[in-house]
Amino acid sequence: MLKIWMAAAGAVGFALLFGVRGKKLFWIAGGGAVGYGAYALFLGMGQGVFSALLLATLLTALLSEALARIQKAPVLLFLVPMLIPLIPGGDLYYAMYSFVRGEGAAFGARVQLVLSEAAAIALGILCTASGVNVFRKILHGVRRRPFF
């Protein structure tokens, strides 16, 4: 439970660095907590790190898309701070630590893990943004543009 509170505080901290003010901070805190809580839940259910991060990112990105529409603000204003708790900082630290110590095998394994985690986050953002765009086009109808 403490980790979820810390995730909310971390999301708010980065939002303050980006100049976000007002009640948007409340929503960002909730989104950061929900995202990290989902990640912890999926890990606890036996999911691997990749799939847990992917599912948590999908949920967080979908939440930020909805909040952006409700609050009439850019999606990135919500998405970036809410994803901060999911960034694999510890694994990146240990990868660099292995590199500095000259442990090539450990460094390679850690870098592979960090790249896989980053790919899960990127894939979650990409799938959500694409899905929302397709849904909006279906909902509002696709306007035909002339070829010229």
N, C-alpha and C. Protein backbone atom coordinates (compact mmCIF):
# COMPACT_ATOMS: atom_id res chain seq x y z
N MET A 1 0.82 -1.20 0.00
CA MET A 1 0.00 0.00 0.00
C MET A 1 0.86 1.26 0.00
N LEU A 2 1.97 1.19 0.71
CA LEU A 2 2.88 2.34 0.76
C LEU A 2 3.43 2.64 -0.63
N LYS A 3 3.73 1.59 -1.41
CA LYS A 3 4.26 1.80 -2.75
C LYS A 3 3.25 2.51 -3.64
N ILE A 4 1.98 2.22 -3.46
CA ILE A 4 0.94 2.89 -4.26
C ILE A 4 0.87 4.37 -3.89
N TRP A 5 0.96 4.69 -2.59
CA TRP A 5 0.98 6.09 -2.17
C TRP A 5 2.22 6.80 -2.71
N MET A 6 3.34 6.11 -2.71
CA MET A 6 4.57 6.71 -3.23
C MET A 6 4.49 6.91 -4.74
N ALA A 7 3.80 6.01 -5.44
CA ALA A 7 3.59 6.17 -6.88
C ALA A 7 2.76 7.42 -7.15
N ALA A 8 1.73 7.64 -6.34
CA ALA A 8 0.90 8.84 -6.49
C ALA A 8 1.72 10.09 -6.22
N ALA A 9 2.55 10.05 -5.19
CA ALA A 9 3.39 11.21 -4.86
C ALA A 9 4.42 11.47 -5.96
N GLY A 10 4.99 10.42 -6.51
CA GLY A 10 5.96 10.58 -7.60
C GLY A 10 5.32 11.17 -8.84
N ALA A 11 4.12 10.72 -9.16
CA ALA A 11 3.41 11.27 -10.32
C ALA A 11 3.12 12.75 -10.12
N VAL A 12 2.68 13.12 -8.93
CA VAL A 12 2.40 14.53 -8.63
C VAL A 12 3.67 15.35 -8.67
N GLY A 13 4.76 14.81 -8.16
CA GLY A 13 6.03 15.52 -8.19
C GLY A 13 6.47 15.86 -9.60
N PHE A 14 6.36 14.89 -10.50
CA PHE A 14 6.73 15.17 -11.89
C PHE A 14 5.74 16.10 -12.55
N ALA A 15 4.48 16.01 -12.19
CA ALA A 15 3.49 16.94 -12.75
C ALA A 15 3.81 18.37 -12.32
N LEU A 16 4.23 18.55 -11.08
CA LEU A 16 4.62 19.88 -10.61
C LEU A 16 5.84 20.39 -11.37
N LEU A 17 6.79 19.49 -11.66
CA LEU A 17 7.96 19.89 -12.46
C LEU A 17 7.56 20.36 -13.85
N PHE A 18 6.49 19.76 -14.39
CA PHE A 18 6.03 20.13 -15.73
C PHE A 18 5.08 21.32 -15.71
N GLY A 19 4.81 21.88 -14.51
CA GLY A 19 3.99 23.07 -14.42
C GLY A 19 2.50 22.82 -14.33
N VAL A 20 2.09 21.62 -14.01
CA VAL A 20 0.67 21.31 -13.87
C VAL A 20 0.19 21.85 -12.53
N ARG A 21 -0.97 22.46 -12.53
CA ARG A 21 -1.53 23.03 -11.31
C ARG A 21 -3.01 22.68 -11.19
N GLY A 22 -3.56 22.95 -10.04
CA GLY A 22 -5.00 22.81 -9.84
C GLY A 22 -5.45 21.38 -9.61
N LYS A 23 -6.72 21.14 -9.94
CA LYS A 23 -7.30 19.83 -9.66
C LYS A 23 -6.78 18.73 -10.58
N LYS A 24 -6.05 19.11 -11.61
CA LYS A 24 -5.43 18.09 -12.47
C LYS A 24 -4.42 17.26 -11.68
N LEU A 25 -3.82 17.86 -10.65
CA LEU A 25 -2.86 17.13 -9.82
C LEU A 25 -3.55 15.97 -9.09
N PHE A 26 -4.78 16.18 -8.67
CA PHE A 26 -5.54 15.11 -8.01
C PHE A 26 -5.73 13.93 -8.96
N TRP A 27 -6.11 14.23 -10.20
CA TRP A 27 -6.33 13.17 -11.18
C TRP A 27 -5.04 12.46 -11.55
N ILE A 28 -3.96 13.22 -11.63
CA ILE A 28 -2.66 12.62 -11.94
C ILE A 28 -2.21 11.70 -10.80
N ALA A 29 -2.43 12.13 -9.58
CA ALA A 29 -2.08 11.28 -8.43
C ALA A 29 -2.88 9.97 -8.48
N GLY A 30 -4.15 10.09 -8.74
CA GLY A 30 -4.99 8.89 -8.84
C GLY A 30 -4.55 7.98 -9.98
N GLY A 31 -4.21 8.58 -11.11
CA GLY A 31 -3.77 7.79 -12.25
C GLY A 31 -2.45 7.09 -12.01
N GLY A 32 -1.53 7.78 -11.35
CA GLY A 32 -0.25 7.15 -11.01
C GLY A 32 -0.44 5.99 -10.04
N ALA A 33 -1.34 6.18 -9.07
CA ALA A 33 -1.63 5.12 -8.11
C ALA A 33 -2.32 3.94 -8.77
N VAL A 34 -3.27 4.22 -9.65
CA VAL A 34 -3.98 3.15 -10.35
C VAL A 34 -3.02 2.37 -11.25
N GLY A 35 -2.17 3.08 -11.96
CA GLY A 35 -1.22 2.42 -12.85
C GLY A 35 -0.26 1.51 -12.11
N TYR A 36 0.32 2.02 -11.03
CA TYR A 36 1.26 1.19 -10.26
C TYR A 36 0.52 0.07 -9.53
N GLY A 37 -0.68 0.36 -9.05
CA GLY A 37 -1.48 -0.68 -8.40
C GLY A 37 -1.82 -1.81 -9.36
N ALA A 38 -2.15 -1.45 -10.59
CA ALA A 38 -2.44 -2.47 -11.60
C ALA A 38 -1.19 -3.29 -11.90
N TYR A 39 -0.05 -2.63 -12.00
CA TYR A 39 1.21 -3.34 -12.24
C TYR A 39 1.49 -4.34 -11.12
N ALA A 40 1.34 -3.90 -9.87
CA ALA A 40 1.57 -4.78 -8.72
C ALA A 40 0.57 -5.93 -8.70
N LEU A 41 -0.68 -5.64 -9.05
CA LEU A 41 -1.72 -6.67 -9.08
C LEU A 41 -1.41 -7.72 -10.15
N PHE A 42 -1.04 -7.26 -11.35
CA PHE A 42 -0.74 -8.21 -12.42
C PHE A 42 0.50 -9.04 -12.11
N LEU A 43 1.49 -8.43 -11.47
CA LEU A 43 2.67 -9.20 -11.05
C LEU A 43 2.27 -10.23 -10.00
N GLY A 44 1.42 -9.84 -9.08
CA GLY A 44 0.96 -10.75 -8.04
C GLY A 44 0.12 -11.90 -8.57
N MET A 45 -0.52 -11.69 -9.72
CA MET A 45 -1.33 -12.74 -10.33
C MET A 45 -0.48 -13.72 -11.14
N GLY A 46 0.83 -13.50 -11.16
CA GLY A 46 1.71 -14.43 -11.86
C GLY A 46 2.10 -14.01 -13.27
N GLN A 47 1.73 -12.81 -13.67
CA GLN A 47 2.14 -12.31 -14.97
C GLN A 47 3.63 -12.01 -14.95
N GLY A 48 4.25 -12.07 -16.10
CA GLY A 48 5.64 -11.66 -16.20
C GLY A 48 5.75 -10.15 -16.15
N VAL A 49 6.97 -9.68 -16.04
CA VAL A 49 7.20 -8.23 -15.96
C VAL A 49 6.71 -7.54 -17.23
N PHE A 50 6.99 -8.13 -18.40
CA PHE A 50 6.59 -7.51 -19.67
C PHE A 50 5.08 -7.37 -19.74
N SER A 51 4.36 -8.46 -19.50
CA SER A 51 2.90 -8.39 -19.64
C SER A 51 2.27 -7.53 -18.54
N ALA A 52 2.83 -7.55 -17.34
CA ALA A 52 2.30 -6.70 -16.27
C ALA A 52 2.48 -5.22 -16.62
N LEU A 53 3.65 -4.87 -17.14
CA LEU A 53 3.88 -3.48 -17.55
C LEU A 53 3.00 -3.10 -18.73
N LEU A 54 2.84 -4.00 -19.67
CA LEU A 54 2.00 -3.72 -20.83
C LEU A 54 0.56 -3.46 -20.41
N LEU A 55 0.02 -4.33 -19.58
CA LEU A 55 -1.37 -4.17 -19.14
C LEU A 55 -1.55 -2.92 -18.28
N ALA A 56 -0.60 -2.66 -17.40
CA ALA A 56 -0.69 -1.45 -16.57
C ALA A 56 -0.58 -0.20 -17.43
N THR A 57 0.28 -0.21 -18.44
CA THR A 57 0.41 0.94 -19.33
C THR A 57 -0.85 1.13 -20.16
N LEU A 58 -1.44 0.04 -20.64
CA LEU A 58 -2.71 0.15 -21.38
C LEU A 58 -3.77 0.82 -20.52
N LEU A 59 -3.88 0.39 -19.28
CA LEU A 59 -4.87 0.97 -18.37
C LEU A 59 -4.57 2.45 -18.09
N THR A 60 -3.31 2.76 -17.83
CA THR A 60 -2.93 4.14 -17.52
C THR A 60 -3.14 5.05 -18.73
N ALA A 61 -2.77 4.59 -19.90
CA ALA A 61 -2.94 5.40 -21.11
C ALA A 61 -4.42 5.61 -21.42
N LEU A 62 -5.23 4.59 -21.22
CA LEU A 62 -6.66 4.73 -21.44
C LEU A 62 -7.27 5.72 -20.45
N LEU A 63 -6.83 5.64 -19.22
CA LEU A 63 -7.29 6.59 -18.19
C LEU A 63 -6.87 8.01 -18.53
N SER A 64 -5.66 8.19 -19.02
CA SER A 64 -5.20 9.54 -19.37
C SER A 64 -5.95 10.08 -20.59
N GLU A 65 -6.30 9.21 -21.52
CA GLU A 65 -7.11 9.65 -22.68
C GLU A 65 -8.48 10.14 -22.20
N ALA A 66 -9.09 9.38 -21.29
CA ALA A 66 -10.40 9.77 -20.78
C ALA A 66 -10.32 11.08 -19.98
N LEU A 67 -9.32 11.18 -19.12
CA LEU A 67 -9.17 12.39 -18.31
C LEU A 67 -8.89 13.62 -19.18
N ALA A 68 -8.14 13.43 -20.24
CA ALA A 68 -7.84 14.55 -21.14
C ALA A 68 -9.12 15.08 -21.79
N ARG A 69 -10.02 14.18 -22.14
CA ARG A 69 -11.28 14.61 -22.74
C ARG A 69 -12.16 15.30 -21.70
N ILE A 70 -12.21 14.75 -20.50
CA ILE A 70 -13.06 15.31 -19.44
C ILE A 70 -12.53 16.67 -18.99
N GLN A 71 -11.22 16.78 -18.79
CA GLN A 71 -10.62 18.02 -18.28
C GLN A 71 -10.29 19.02 -19.40
N LYS A 72 -10.49 18.61 -20.65
CA LYS A 72 -10.19 19.46 -21.82
C LYS A 72 -8.73 19.94 -21.77
N ALA A 73 -7.83 18.96 -21.71
CA ALA A 73 -6.39 19.22 -21.63
C ALA A 73 -5.68 18.21 -22.54
N PRO A 74 -4.43 18.48 -22.89
CA PRO A 74 -3.69 17.53 -23.72
C PRO A 74 -3.47 16.19 -23.00
N VAL A 75 -3.46 15.13 -23.78
CA VAL A 75 -3.29 13.80 -23.21
C VAL A 75 -1.93 13.67 -22.52
N LEU A 76 -0.90 14.24 -23.11
CA LEU A 76 0.45 14.13 -22.54
C LEU A 76 0.56 14.78 -21.17
N LEU A 77 -0.28 15.74 -20.89
CA LEU A 77 -0.28 16.39 -19.58
C LEU A 77 -0.60 15.37 -18.48
N PHE A 78 -1.43 14.40 -18.81
CA PHE A 78 -1.78 13.35 -17.85
C PHE A 78 -0.89 12.12 -18.01
N LEU A 79 -0.62 11.75 -19.24
CA LEU A 79 0.05 10.48 -19.53
C LEU A 79 1.47 10.42 -18.97
N VAL A 80 2.26 11.43 -19.22
CA VAL A 80 3.67 11.38 -18.82
C VAL A 80 3.84 11.27 -17.30
N PRO A 81 3.22 12.14 -16.50
CA PRO A 81 3.40 11.99 -15.05
C PRO A 81 2.79 10.70 -14.50
N MET A 82 1.70 10.24 -15.09
CA MET A 82 1.07 9.02 -14.60
C MET A 82 1.90 7.78 -14.90
N LEU A 83 2.74 7.84 -15.92
CA LEU A 83 3.59 6.69 -16.27
C LEU A 83 4.91 6.68 -15.51
N ILE A 84 5.27 7.76 -14.86
CA ILE A 84 6.55 7.85 -14.15
C ILE A 84 6.75 6.69 -13.16
N PRO A 85 5.73 6.29 -12.38
CA PRO A 85 5.97 5.18 -11.45
C PRO A 85 6.27 3.84 -12.13
N LEU A 86 5.94 3.71 -13.40
CA LEU A 86 6.17 2.44 -14.10
C LEU A 86 7.54 2.36 -14.76
N ILE A 87 8.28 3.44 -14.78
CA ILE A 87 9.59 3.44 -15.44
C ILE A 87 10.55 2.54 -14.67
N PRO A 88 11.28 1.67 -15.38
CA PRO A 88 12.16 0.69 -14.71
C PRO A 88 13.48 1.30 -14.25
N GLY A 89 13.43 2.20 -13.31
CA GLY A 89 14.62 2.89 -12.84
C GLY A 89 15.60 1.99 -12.11
N GLY A 90 15.10 1.09 -11.30
CA GLY A 90 15.97 0.20 -10.55
C GLY A 90 16.76 -0.73 -11.47
N ASP A 91 16.10 -1.29 -12.46
CA ASP A 91 16.80 -2.18 -13.39
C ASP A 91 17.84 -1.42 -14.21
N LEU A 92 17.53 -0.18 -14.58
CA LEU A 92 18.49 0.63 -15.31
C LEU A 92 19.70 0.95 -14.44
N TYR A 93 19.45 1.23 -13.17
CA TYR A 93 20.55 1.49 -12.24
C TYR A 93 21.47 0.27 -12.14
N TYR A 94 20.88 -0.90 -11.97
CA TYR A 94 21.70 -2.10 -11.82
C TYR A 94 22.41 -2.48 -13.12
N ALA A 95 21.84 -2.12 -14.25
CA ALA A 95 22.52 -2.35 -15.52
C ALA A 95 23.78 -1.48 -15.60
N MET A 96 23.64 -0.22 -15.24
CA MET A 96 24.81 0.68 -15.26
C MET A 96 25.83 0.27 -14.20
N TYR A 97 25.36 -0.20 -13.07
CA TYR A 97 26.25 -0.67 -12.02
C TYR A 97 27.07 -1.85 -12.51
N SER A 98 26.44 -2.78 -13.21
CA SER A 98 27.16 -3.93 -13.77
C SER A 98 28.16 -3.49 -14.83
N PHE A 99 27.78 -2.47 -15.61
CA PHE A 99 28.68 -1.96 -16.64
C PHE A 99 29.94 -1.35 -16.01
N VAL A 100 29.74 -0.54 -14.99
CA VAL A 100 30.86 0.12 -14.32
C VAL A 100 31.79 -0.89 -13.66
N ARG A 101 31.23 -1.94 -13.13
CA ARG A 101 32.03 -2.97 -12.47
C ARG A 101 32.67 -3.94 -13.46
N GLY A 102 32.33 -3.82 -14.73
CA GLY A 102 32.92 -4.67 -15.76
C GLY A 102 32.31 -6.06 -15.83
N GLU A 103 31.11 -6.22 -15.33
CA GLU A 103 30.42 -7.51 -15.37
C GLU A 103 29.59 -7.58 -16.65
N GLY A 104 30.21 -8.04 -17.72
CA GLY A 104 29.58 -8.02 -19.04
C GLY A 104 28.32 -8.85 -19.14
N ALA A 105 28.31 -10.04 -18.57
CA ALA A 105 27.13 -10.91 -18.67
C ALA A 105 25.95 -10.32 -17.90
N ALA A 106 26.21 -9.82 -16.70
CA ALA A 106 25.15 -9.21 -15.90
C ALA A 106 24.63 -7.94 -16.58
N PHE A 107 25.56 -7.17 -17.15
CA PHE A 107 25.16 -5.95 -17.86
C PHE A 107 24.25 -6.28 -19.03
N GLY A 108 24.63 -7.29 -19.82
CA GLY A 108 23.81 -7.68 -20.98
C GLY A 108 22.42 -8.14 -20.57
N ALA A 109 22.34 -8.92 -19.50
CA ALA A 109 21.04 -9.39 -19.03
C ALA A 109 20.18 -8.25 -18.54
N ARG A 110 20.79 -7.32 -17.81
CA ARG A 110 20.02 -6.17 -17.29
C ARG A 110 19.56 -5.24 -18.41
N VAL A 111 20.43 -5.01 -19.38
CA VAL A 111 20.04 -4.14 -20.50
C VAL A 111 18.90 -4.78 -21.29
N GLN A 112 18.96 -6.08 -21.48
CA GLN A 112 17.87 -6.77 -22.17
C GLN A 112 16.55 -6.61 -21.40
N LEU A 113 16.61 -6.71 -20.09
CA LEU A 113 15.42 -6.54 -19.26
C LEU A 113 14.88 -5.11 -19.37
N VAL A 114 15.77 -4.13 -19.29
CA VAL A 114 15.35 -2.72 -19.38
C VAL A 114 14.72 -2.43 -20.74
N LEU A 115 15.32 -2.94 -21.81
CA LEU A 115 14.77 -2.71 -23.15
C LEU A 115 13.41 -3.39 -23.31
N SER A 116 13.26 -4.55 -22.71
CA SER A 116 11.97 -5.23 -22.78
C SER A 116 10.91 -4.45 -22.01
N GLU A 117 11.27 -3.92 -20.85
CA GLU A 117 10.32 -3.13 -20.08
C GLU A 117 9.96 -1.83 -20.80
N ALA A 118 10.93 -1.19 -21.40
CA ALA A 118 10.66 0.03 -22.16
C ALA A 118 9.77 -0.27 -23.37
N ALA A 119 9.99 -1.41 -24.01
CA ALA A 119 9.16 -1.81 -25.15
C ALA A 119 7.72 -2.06 -24.71
N ALA A 120 7.53 -2.64 -23.53
CA ALA A 120 6.17 -2.88 -23.03
C ALA A 120 5.45 -1.56 -22.81
N ILE A 121 6.14 -0.59 -22.24
CA ILE A 121 5.52 0.72 -22.00
C ILE A 121 5.19 1.41 -23.32
N ALA A 122 6.13 1.39 -24.26
CA ALA A 122 5.90 2.02 -25.56
C ALA A 122 4.77 1.34 -26.31
N LEU A 123 4.72 0.02 -26.27
CA LEU A 123 3.67 -0.72 -26.96
C LEU A 123 2.30 -0.42 -26.34
N GLY A 124 2.24 -0.30 -25.03
CA GLY A 124 0.98 0.05 -24.38
C GLY A 124 0.47 1.41 -24.78
N ILE A 125 1.39 2.38 -24.85
CA ILE A 125 1.00 3.74 -25.27
C ILE A 125 0.53 3.72 -26.72
N LEU A 126 1.29 3.05 -27.57
CA LEU A 126 0.97 3.00 -29.01
C LEU A 126 -0.38 2.33 -29.26
N CYS A 127 -0.61 1.20 -28.62
CA CYS A 127 -1.87 0.49 -28.82
C CYS A 127 -3.07 1.31 -28.34
N THR A 128 -2.92 1.96 -27.21
CA THR A 128 -4.03 2.76 -26.69
C THR A 128 -4.31 3.96 -27.58
N ALA A 129 -3.26 4.68 -27.98
CA ALA A 129 -3.47 5.85 -28.84
C ALA A 129 -4.09 5.45 -30.18
N SER A 130 -3.61 4.37 -30.75
CA SER A 130 -4.17 3.90 -32.03
C SER A 130 -5.61 3.45 -31.85
N GLY A 131 -5.88 2.72 -30.79
CA GLY A 131 -7.24 2.26 -30.55
C GLY A 131 -8.21 3.41 -30.33
N VAL A 132 -7.78 4.42 -29.60
CA VAL A 132 -8.64 5.58 -29.37
C VAL A 132 -8.90 6.32 -30.69
N ASN A 133 -7.88 6.46 -31.53
CA ASN A 133 -8.07 7.12 -32.83
C ASN A 133 -9.04 6.35 -33.70
N VAL A 134 -8.90 5.04 -33.76
CA VAL A 134 -9.82 4.23 -34.56
C VAL A 134 -11.23 4.33 -34.01
N PHE A 135 -11.37 4.25 -32.70
CA PHE A 135 -12.70 4.35 -32.08
C PHE A 135 -13.34 5.70 -32.38
N ARG A 136 -12.57 6.77 -32.28
CA ARG A 136 -13.13 8.11 -32.55
C ARG A 136 -13.55 8.24 -34.00
N LYS A 137 -12.77 7.67 -34.93
CA LYS A 137 -13.14 7.74 -36.35
C LYS A 137 -14.40 6.94 -36.63
N ILE A 138 -14.53 5.80 -35.99
CA ILE A 138 -15.75 5.00 -36.16
C ILE A 138 -16.94 5.73 -35.56
N LEU A 139 -16.74 6.31 -34.38
CA LEU A 139 -17.82 7.01 -33.68
C LEU A 139 -18.29 8.24 -34.44
N HIS A 140 -17.36 9.02 -34.95
CA HIS A 140 -17.70 10.26 -35.63
C HIS A 140 -17.83 10.12 -37.14
N GLY A 141 -17.54 8.97 -37.65
CA GLY A 141 -17.61 8.76 -39.10
C GLY A 141 -16.36 9.28 -39.77
N VAL A 142 -15.91 8.56 -40.73
CA VAL A 142 -14.71 8.96 -41.46
C VAL A 142 -15.12 9.92 -42.56
N ARG A 143 -14.52 11.09 -42.55
CA ARG A 143 -14.80 12.08 -43.60
C ARG A 143 -13.93 11.79 -44.80
N ARG A 144 -14.54 11.82 -45.94
CA ARG A 144 -13.78 11.56 -47.17
C ARG A 144 -13.10 12.82 -47.62
N ARG A 145 -11.84 12.66 -47.95
CA ARG A 145 -11.06 13.80 -48.45
C ARG A 145 -10.82 13.61 -49.93
N PRO A 146 -10.80 14.70 -50.68
CA PRO A 146 -10.48 14.57 -52.11
C PRO A 146 -9.02 14.18 -52.30
N PHE A 147 -8.74 13.52 -53.40
CA PHE A 147 -7.38 13.10 -53.67
C PHE A 147 -6.44 14.25 -54.01
N PHE A 148 -6.96 15.35 -54.48
CA PHE A 148 -6.12 16.46 -54.91
C PHE A 148 -6.11 17.55 -53.89
